[in-house]
Structures are given as structure tokens and as C-alpha cells.
């Protein structure tokens, strides 16, 4: 009976450690958002990709997951796009 109790306590302790380790890994990730402008939507999107890659590299992190891009008309003839991506260290 004592050995069953010890084994149950050990399993619970390991499960708690695994949960804490998992939350630490998630805590090291953040969302990176950048904005770019261009004469066309394609140019603005390309500027976003360049800015996003540069920003993620400067933070010392690696890109994780898909890039989400939204575009809207900007000032005068320009198109403004915003790109977001998750980055983890």
C-alpha cells in the first residue's frame, strides 16, 4: 500500500513538472507585428516580409507559424499592409 502511494505521489510530481516546463516554453514566444507601405499591394506585402524577417532576426528569435497579412489603403496612392507572425526563442 505504501509503495502504491509513493508511486502515485511520484507520478503527480512528474506531471506537475511537465506542465510547468510546457508553460515556460510557451512563455518564450511572442507575436511580432510590422507595417510596410508600397505603391501596390504586392510591394507593400513584400516590404512587410522584409521588415518581419529583419525584426525577428534582431530579437534573436525564430519564426513559428504562418504569416498573417492585412492590407488597407494608405495615404495618397500608397497601400499599407500589416504582417503578424509568432516568434519563439
Protein backbone atom coordinates (compact mmCIF):
# COMPACT_ATOMS: atom_id res chain seq x y z
CA UNK A 1 0.00 0.00 0.00
CA UNK A 2 2.83 2.41 0.84
CA UNK A 3 4.55 1.68 -2.46
CA UNK A 4 1.32 2.46 -4.38
CA UNK A 5 1.03 5.77 -2.52
CA UNK A 6 4.67 6.65 -3.22
CA UNK A 7 4.26 5.79 -6.89
CA UNK A 8 1.10 7.97 -7.13
CA UNK A 9 2.91 10.91 -5.49
CA UNK A 10 5.85 10.45 -7.88
CA UNK A 11 3.60 10.41 -10.93
CA UNK A 12 1.82 13.56 -9.76
CA UNK A 13 5.16 15.30 -9.18
CA UNK A 14 6.38 14.40 -12.67
CA UNK A 15 3.10 15.52 -14.24
CA UNK A 16 3.35 18.86 -12.44
CA UNK A 17 6.95 19.33 -13.62
CA UNK A 18 5.96 18.57 -17.23
CA UNK A 19 3.13 21.13 -17.00
CA UNK A 20 5.49 23.83 -15.69
CA UNK A 21 8.08 23.07 -18.38
CA UNK A 22 5.38 23.35 -21.05
CA UNK A 23 4.20 26.76 -19.87
CA UNK A 24 7.78 28.07 -19.79
CA UNK A 25 8.23 27.04 -23.42
CA UNK A 26 5.04 28.86 -24.37
CA UNK A 27 6.06 31.93 -22.39
CA UNK A 28 9.18 32.39 -24.55
CA UNK A 29 7.04 33.01 -27.65
CA UNK A 30 5.59 36.35 -28.68
CA UNK A 31 3.67 37.86 -31.55
CA UNK A 32 5.64 40.19 -33.83
CA UNK A 33 3.77 42.81 -35.87
CA UNK A 34 5.24 45.11 -38.55
CA UNK A 35 3.86 47.53 -41.12
CA UNK A 36 5.01 48.28 -44.67
CA UNK A 37 3.84 50.61 -47.40
CA UNK A 38 4.10 50.47 -51.18
CA UNK A 39 2.51 51.72 -54.39
CA UNK A 40 0.76 48.38 -54.88
CA UNK A 41 -0.46 45.63 -52.57
CA UNK A 42 2.32 43.32 -53.80
CA UNK A 43 5.06 45.84 -52.99
CA UNK A 44 3.58 46.57 -49.56
CA UNK A 45 3.34 42.84 -48.79
CA UNK A 46 6.96 42.33 -49.87
CA UNK A 47 8.08 45.20 -47.63
CA UNK A 48 6.20 43.57 -44.75
CA UNK A 49 8.02 40.29 -45.29
CA UNK A 50 11.40 42.04 -45.29
CA UNK A 51 10.56 44.04 -42.14
CA UNK A 52 9.18 40.94 -40.38
CA UNK A 53 12.26 38.83 -41.15
CA UNK A 54 14.57 41.63 -40.01
CA UNK A 55 12.63 42.29 -36.79
CA UNK A 56 12.50 38.60 -35.84
CA UNK A 57 16.24 38.21 -36.53
CA UNK A 58 17.09 41.32 -34.46
CA UNK A 59 15.13 39.93 -31.49
CA UNK A 60 17.21 36.73 -31.69
CA UNK A 61 14.12 34.56 -32.18
CA UNK A 62 12.89 32.19 -34.88
CA UNK A 63 9.66 32.48 -36.83
CA UNK A 64 6.95 29.98 -35.96
CA UNK A 65 3.65 29.52 -37.76
CA UNK A 66 2.06 31.27 -40.72
CA UNK A 67 2.35 34.97 -41.55
CA UNK A 68 -0.98 36.83 -41.34
CA UNK A 69 -1.15 39.89 -43.59
CA UNK A 70 -3.88 42.52 -43.83
CA UNK A 71 -3.84 45.46 -46.24
CA UNK A 72 -5.75 48.73 -46.43
CA UNK A 73 -5.50 51.92 -48.49
CA UNK A 74 -2.88 54.23 -47.03
CA UNK A 75 -2.00 57.87 -47.57
CA UNK A 76 -2.36 59.23 -51.11
CA UNK A 77 -1.64 56.41 -53.58
CA UNK A 78 0.12 54.08 -51.14
CA UNK A 79 -1.16 50.78 -49.76
CA UNK A 80 -0.40 49.97 -46.11
CA UNK A 81 -0.09 46.33 -45.03
CA UNK A 82 0.41 44.83 -41.58
CA UNK A 83 2.05 41.44 -41.12
CA UNK A 84 1.95 39.38 -37.91
CA UNK A 85 3.80 36.20 -37.03
CA UNK A 86 4.65 34.24 -33.90
CA UNK A 87 8.34 34.19 -32.91
CA UNK A 88 9.92 31.87 -30.33
CA UNK A 89 13.38 31.84 -28.77
